[in-house]
Amino acid sequence: VLDRSGSMGGEPFVLARQAVERALAQLHPEDHFALVVYDSEVDVLAASTRATPGARAAALERLAHVHPRGGTDLA
């Protein structure tokens, strides 16, 4: 789960994205993962799936298009 709210702009978001990238790189094909980003909206970039090289690459591609925006009013 990655916070993409506007308050994450700049270095905090860069570091958080790098943490997600590194976590995905450490998974084995038999592992499972999901990738969710949120601000005032919640988006599922990757539903729970096996961590195959293709699934991890697709998640990273989607993550590359995520940037800080909005707020965190999830209510």
N, C-alpha and C. Protein backbone atom coordinates (compact mmCIF):
# COMPACT_ATOMS: atom_id res chain seq x y z
N VAL A 1 0.86 -1.17 0.00
CA VAL A 1 0.00 0.00 0.00
C VAL A 1 0.91 1.23 0.00
N LEU A 2 0.66 2.12 -0.92
CA LEU A 2 1.49 3.32 -1.07
C LEU A 2 0.63 4.57 -1.01
N ASP A 3 0.98 5.48 -0.11
CA ASP A 3 0.31 6.78 0.03
C ASP A 3 0.80 7.68 -1.10
N ARG A 4 -0.12 8.10 -1.95
CA ARG A 4 0.27 9.01 -3.04
C ARG A 4 -0.34 10.39 -2.86
N SER A 5 -0.75 10.71 -1.64
CA SER A 5 -1.37 12.02 -1.39
C SER A 5 -0.36 13.13 -1.62
N GLY A 6 -0.86 14.33 -1.80
CA GLY A 6 -0.01 15.48 -2.09
C GLY A 6 1.06 15.72 -1.06
N SER A 7 0.79 15.37 0.19
CA SER A 7 1.79 15.57 1.25
C SER A 7 3.00 14.67 1.08
N MET A 8 2.91 13.68 0.21
CA MET A 8 4.03 12.77 -0.05
C MET A 8 4.93 13.29 -1.18
N GLY A 9 4.64 14.47 -1.70
CA GLY A 9 5.40 15.01 -2.81
C GLY A 9 6.89 15.10 -2.53
N GLY A 10 7.68 15.01 -3.59
CA GLY A 10 9.13 15.14 -3.47
C GLY A 10 9.80 13.88 -2.97
N GLU A 11 10.81 14.07 -2.12
CA GLU A 11 11.63 12.95 -1.66
C GLU A 11 10.84 11.86 -0.92
N PRO A 12 9.85 12.21 -0.08
CA PRO A 12 9.12 11.13 0.59
C PRO A 12 8.48 10.14 -0.39
N PHE A 13 7.92 10.65 -1.46
CA PHE A 13 7.30 9.75 -2.44
C PHE A 13 8.35 8.95 -3.19
N VAL A 14 9.44 9.59 -3.56
CA VAL A 14 10.53 8.88 -4.26
C VAL A 14 11.03 7.73 -3.40
N LEU A 15 11.25 7.98 -2.12
CA LEU A 15 11.74 6.93 -1.23
C LEU A 15 10.70 5.82 -1.04
N ALA A 16 9.43 6.20 -0.91
CA ALA A 16 8.39 5.20 -0.75
C ALA A 16 8.27 4.33 -2.00
N ARG A 17 8.35 4.94 -3.16
CA ARG A 17 8.28 4.19 -4.41
C ARG A 17 9.48 3.23 -4.52
N GLN A 18 10.67 3.71 -4.15
CA GLN A 18 11.85 2.85 -4.17
C GLN A 18 11.68 1.65 -3.23
N ALA A 19 11.06 1.88 -2.08
CA ALA A 19 10.82 0.78 -1.14
C ALA A 19 9.91 -0.27 -1.75
N VAL A 20 8.87 0.17 -2.46
CA VAL A 20 7.98 -0.78 -3.13
C VAL A 20 8.74 -1.54 -4.21
N GLU A 21 9.54 -0.83 -4.99
CA GLU A 21 10.32 -1.48 -6.05
C GLU A 21 11.26 -2.53 -5.47
N ARG A 22 11.92 -2.21 -4.38
CA ARG A 22 12.85 -3.16 -3.76
C ARG A 22 12.11 -4.35 -3.16
N ALA A 23 10.97 -4.09 -2.57
CA ALA A 23 10.18 -5.20 -2.01
C ALA A 23 9.75 -6.15 -3.11
N LEU A 24 9.29 -5.62 -4.23
CA LEU A 24 8.88 -6.47 -5.35
C LEU A 24 10.06 -7.27 -5.89
N ALA A 25 11.23 -6.67 -5.92
CA ALA A 25 12.42 -7.35 -6.45
C ALA A 25 12.83 -8.54 -5.58
N GLN A 26 12.46 -8.52 -4.32
CA GLN A 26 12.86 -9.59 -3.41
C GLN A 26 11.89 -10.76 -3.38
N LEU A 27 10.77 -10.63 -4.07
CA LEU A 27 9.78 -11.70 -4.06
C LEU A 27 10.21 -12.86 -4.95
N HIS A 28 9.76 -14.04 -4.59
CA HIS A 28 9.99 -15.25 -5.38
C HIS A 28 8.73 -15.57 -6.17
N PRO A 29 8.83 -16.29 -7.27
CA PRO A 29 7.66 -16.59 -8.10
C PRO A 29 6.52 -17.28 -7.35
N GLU A 30 6.82 -17.99 -6.28
CA GLU A 30 5.76 -18.66 -5.53
C GLU A 30 5.10 -17.73 -4.49
N ASP A 31 5.68 -16.53 -4.28
CA ASP A 31 5.09 -15.53 -3.37
C ASP A 31 3.88 -14.88 -4.03
N HIS A 32 3.07 -14.23 -3.24
CA HIS A 32 1.93 -13.46 -3.74
C HIS A 32 2.09 -12.01 -3.29
N PHE A 33 1.55 -11.09 -4.07
CA PHE A 33 1.57 -9.68 -3.69
C PHE A 33 0.36 -8.99 -4.29
N ALA A 34 0.06 -7.82 -3.76
CA ALA A 34 -0.93 -6.90 -4.31
C ALA A 34 -0.32 -5.51 -4.18
N LEU A 35 -0.74 -4.60 -5.04
CA LEU A 35 -0.21 -3.23 -4.97
C LEU A 35 -1.38 -2.26 -5.04
N VAL A 36 -1.52 -1.48 -3.97
CA VAL A 36 -2.62 -0.52 -3.84
C VAL A 36 -2.03 0.85 -3.56
N VAL A 37 -2.58 1.87 -4.22
CA VAL A 37 -2.17 3.25 -3.96
C VAL A 37 -3.41 4.03 -3.54
N TYR A 38 -3.19 5.06 -2.71
CA TYR A 38 -4.33 5.83 -2.24
C TYR A 38 -3.99 7.29 -2.02
N ASP A 39 -5.00 8.10 -2.16
CA ASP A 39 -5.04 9.48 -1.72
C ASP A 39 -6.48 9.67 -1.27
N SER A 40 -7.25 10.53 -1.90
CA SER A 40 -8.68 10.60 -1.57
C SER A 40 -9.43 9.49 -2.30
N GLU A 41 -8.74 8.77 -3.14
CA GLU A 41 -9.27 7.61 -3.85
C GLU A 41 -8.31 6.44 -3.64
N VAL A 42 -8.83 5.24 -3.79
CA VAL A 42 -8.02 4.04 -3.68
C VAL A 42 -8.00 3.35 -5.04
N ASP A 43 -6.82 3.00 -5.53
CA ASP A 43 -6.68 2.29 -6.79
C ASP A 43 -5.83 1.04 -6.59
N VAL A 44 -6.30 -0.05 -7.16
CA VAL A 44 -5.56 -1.30 -7.11
C VAL A 44 -4.73 -1.39 -8.39
N LEU A 45 -3.42 -1.30 -8.25
CA LEU A 45 -2.54 -1.40 -9.42
C LEU A 45 -2.29 -2.85 -9.79
N ALA A 46 -2.29 -3.72 -8.78
CA ALA A 46 -2.13 -5.16 -9.01
C ALA A 46 -2.94 -5.89 -7.95
N ALA A 47 -3.95 -6.61 -8.39
CA ALA A 47 -4.73 -7.42 -7.47
C ALA A 47 -3.85 -8.58 -7.01
N SER A 48 -4.20 -9.20 -5.92
CA SER A 48 -3.40 -10.28 -5.38
C SER A 48 -3.08 -11.32 -6.46
N THR A 49 -1.79 -11.55 -6.65
CA THR A 49 -1.33 -12.45 -7.70
C THR A 49 0.01 -13.06 -7.32
N ARG A 50 0.38 -14.12 -8.02
CA ARG A 50 1.71 -14.70 -7.82
C ARG A 50 2.75 -13.72 -8.33
N ALA A 51 3.90 -13.74 -7.71
CA ALA A 51 4.97 -12.79 -8.02
C ALA A 51 5.84 -13.29 -9.17
N THR A 52 5.21 -13.62 -10.27
CA THR A 52 5.98 -14.03 -11.44
C THR A 52 6.74 -12.82 -11.98
N PRO A 53 7.78 -13.06 -12.76
CA PRO A 53 8.50 -11.91 -13.34
C PRO A 53 7.56 -10.99 -14.14
N GLY A 54 6.63 -11.56 -14.87
CA GLY A 54 5.71 -10.74 -15.65
C GLY A 54 4.78 -9.91 -14.79
N ALA A 55 4.28 -10.50 -13.71
CA ALA A 55 3.38 -9.77 -12.82
C ALA A 55 4.12 -8.64 -12.10
N ARG A 56 5.34 -8.91 -11.69
CA ARG A 56 6.13 -7.87 -11.03
C ARG A 56 6.46 -6.75 -12.01
N ALA A 57 6.80 -7.09 -13.24
CA ALA A 57 7.11 -6.07 -14.25
C ALA A 57 5.88 -5.22 -14.55
N ALA A 58 4.72 -5.84 -14.65
CA ALA A 58 3.48 -5.10 -14.92
C ALA A 58 3.16 -4.15 -13.77
N ALA A 59 3.35 -4.60 -12.54
CA ALA A 59 3.10 -3.75 -11.38
C ALA A 59 4.06 -2.56 -11.37
N LEU A 60 5.32 -2.80 -11.68
CA LEU A 60 6.30 -1.71 -11.72
C LEU A 60 5.98 -0.71 -12.83
N GLU A 61 5.49 -1.20 -13.94
CA GLU A 61 5.09 -0.31 -15.05
C GLU A 61 3.94 0.59 -14.61
N ARG A 62 2.95 0.02 -13.95
CA ARG A 62 1.83 0.82 -13.46
C ARG A 62 2.29 1.81 -12.40
N LEU A 63 3.17 1.36 -11.52
CA LEU A 63 3.68 2.22 -10.46
C LEU A 63 4.44 3.42 -11.03
N ALA A 64 5.10 3.24 -12.14
CA ALA A 64 5.86 4.33 -12.76
C ALA A 64 4.99 5.51 -13.16
N HIS A 65 3.69 5.27 -13.31
CA HIS A 65 2.76 6.32 -13.73
C HIS A 65 2.03 6.96 -12.55
N VAL A 66 2.38 6.58 -11.34
CA VAL A 66 1.73 7.11 -10.14
C VAL A 66 2.56 8.26 -9.61
N HIS A 67 1.86 9.38 -9.31
CA HIS A 67 2.51 10.57 -8.76
C HIS A 67 1.65 11.12 -7.63
N PRO A 68 2.25 11.85 -6.71
CA PRO A 68 1.48 12.43 -5.62
C PRO A 68 0.39 13.35 -6.15
N ARG A 69 -0.75 13.31 -5.45
CA ARG A 69 -1.88 14.17 -5.83
C ARG A 69 -2.89 14.16 -4.68
N GLY A 70 -3.83 15.05 -4.70
CA GLY A 70 -4.96 15.03 -3.79
C GLY A 70 -4.60 15.01 -2.32
N GLY A 71 -5.58 14.61 -1.53
CA GLY A 71 -5.44 14.54 -0.08
C GLY A 71 -5.62 13.11 0.38
N THR A 72 -5.81 12.95 1.68
CA THR A 72 -5.99 11.61 2.22
C THR A 72 -7.33 11.47 2.92
N ASP A 73 -8.33 12.18 2.46
CA ASP A 73 -9.67 12.10 3.06
C ASP A 73 -10.36 10.84 2.55
N LEU A 74 -10.09 9.72 3.20
CA LEU A 74 -10.67 8.45 2.77
C LEU A 74 -12.07 8.24 3.32
N ALA A 75 -12.53 9.15 4.18
CA ALA A 75 -13.87 9.01 4.73
C ALA A 75 -14.89 9.31 3.66
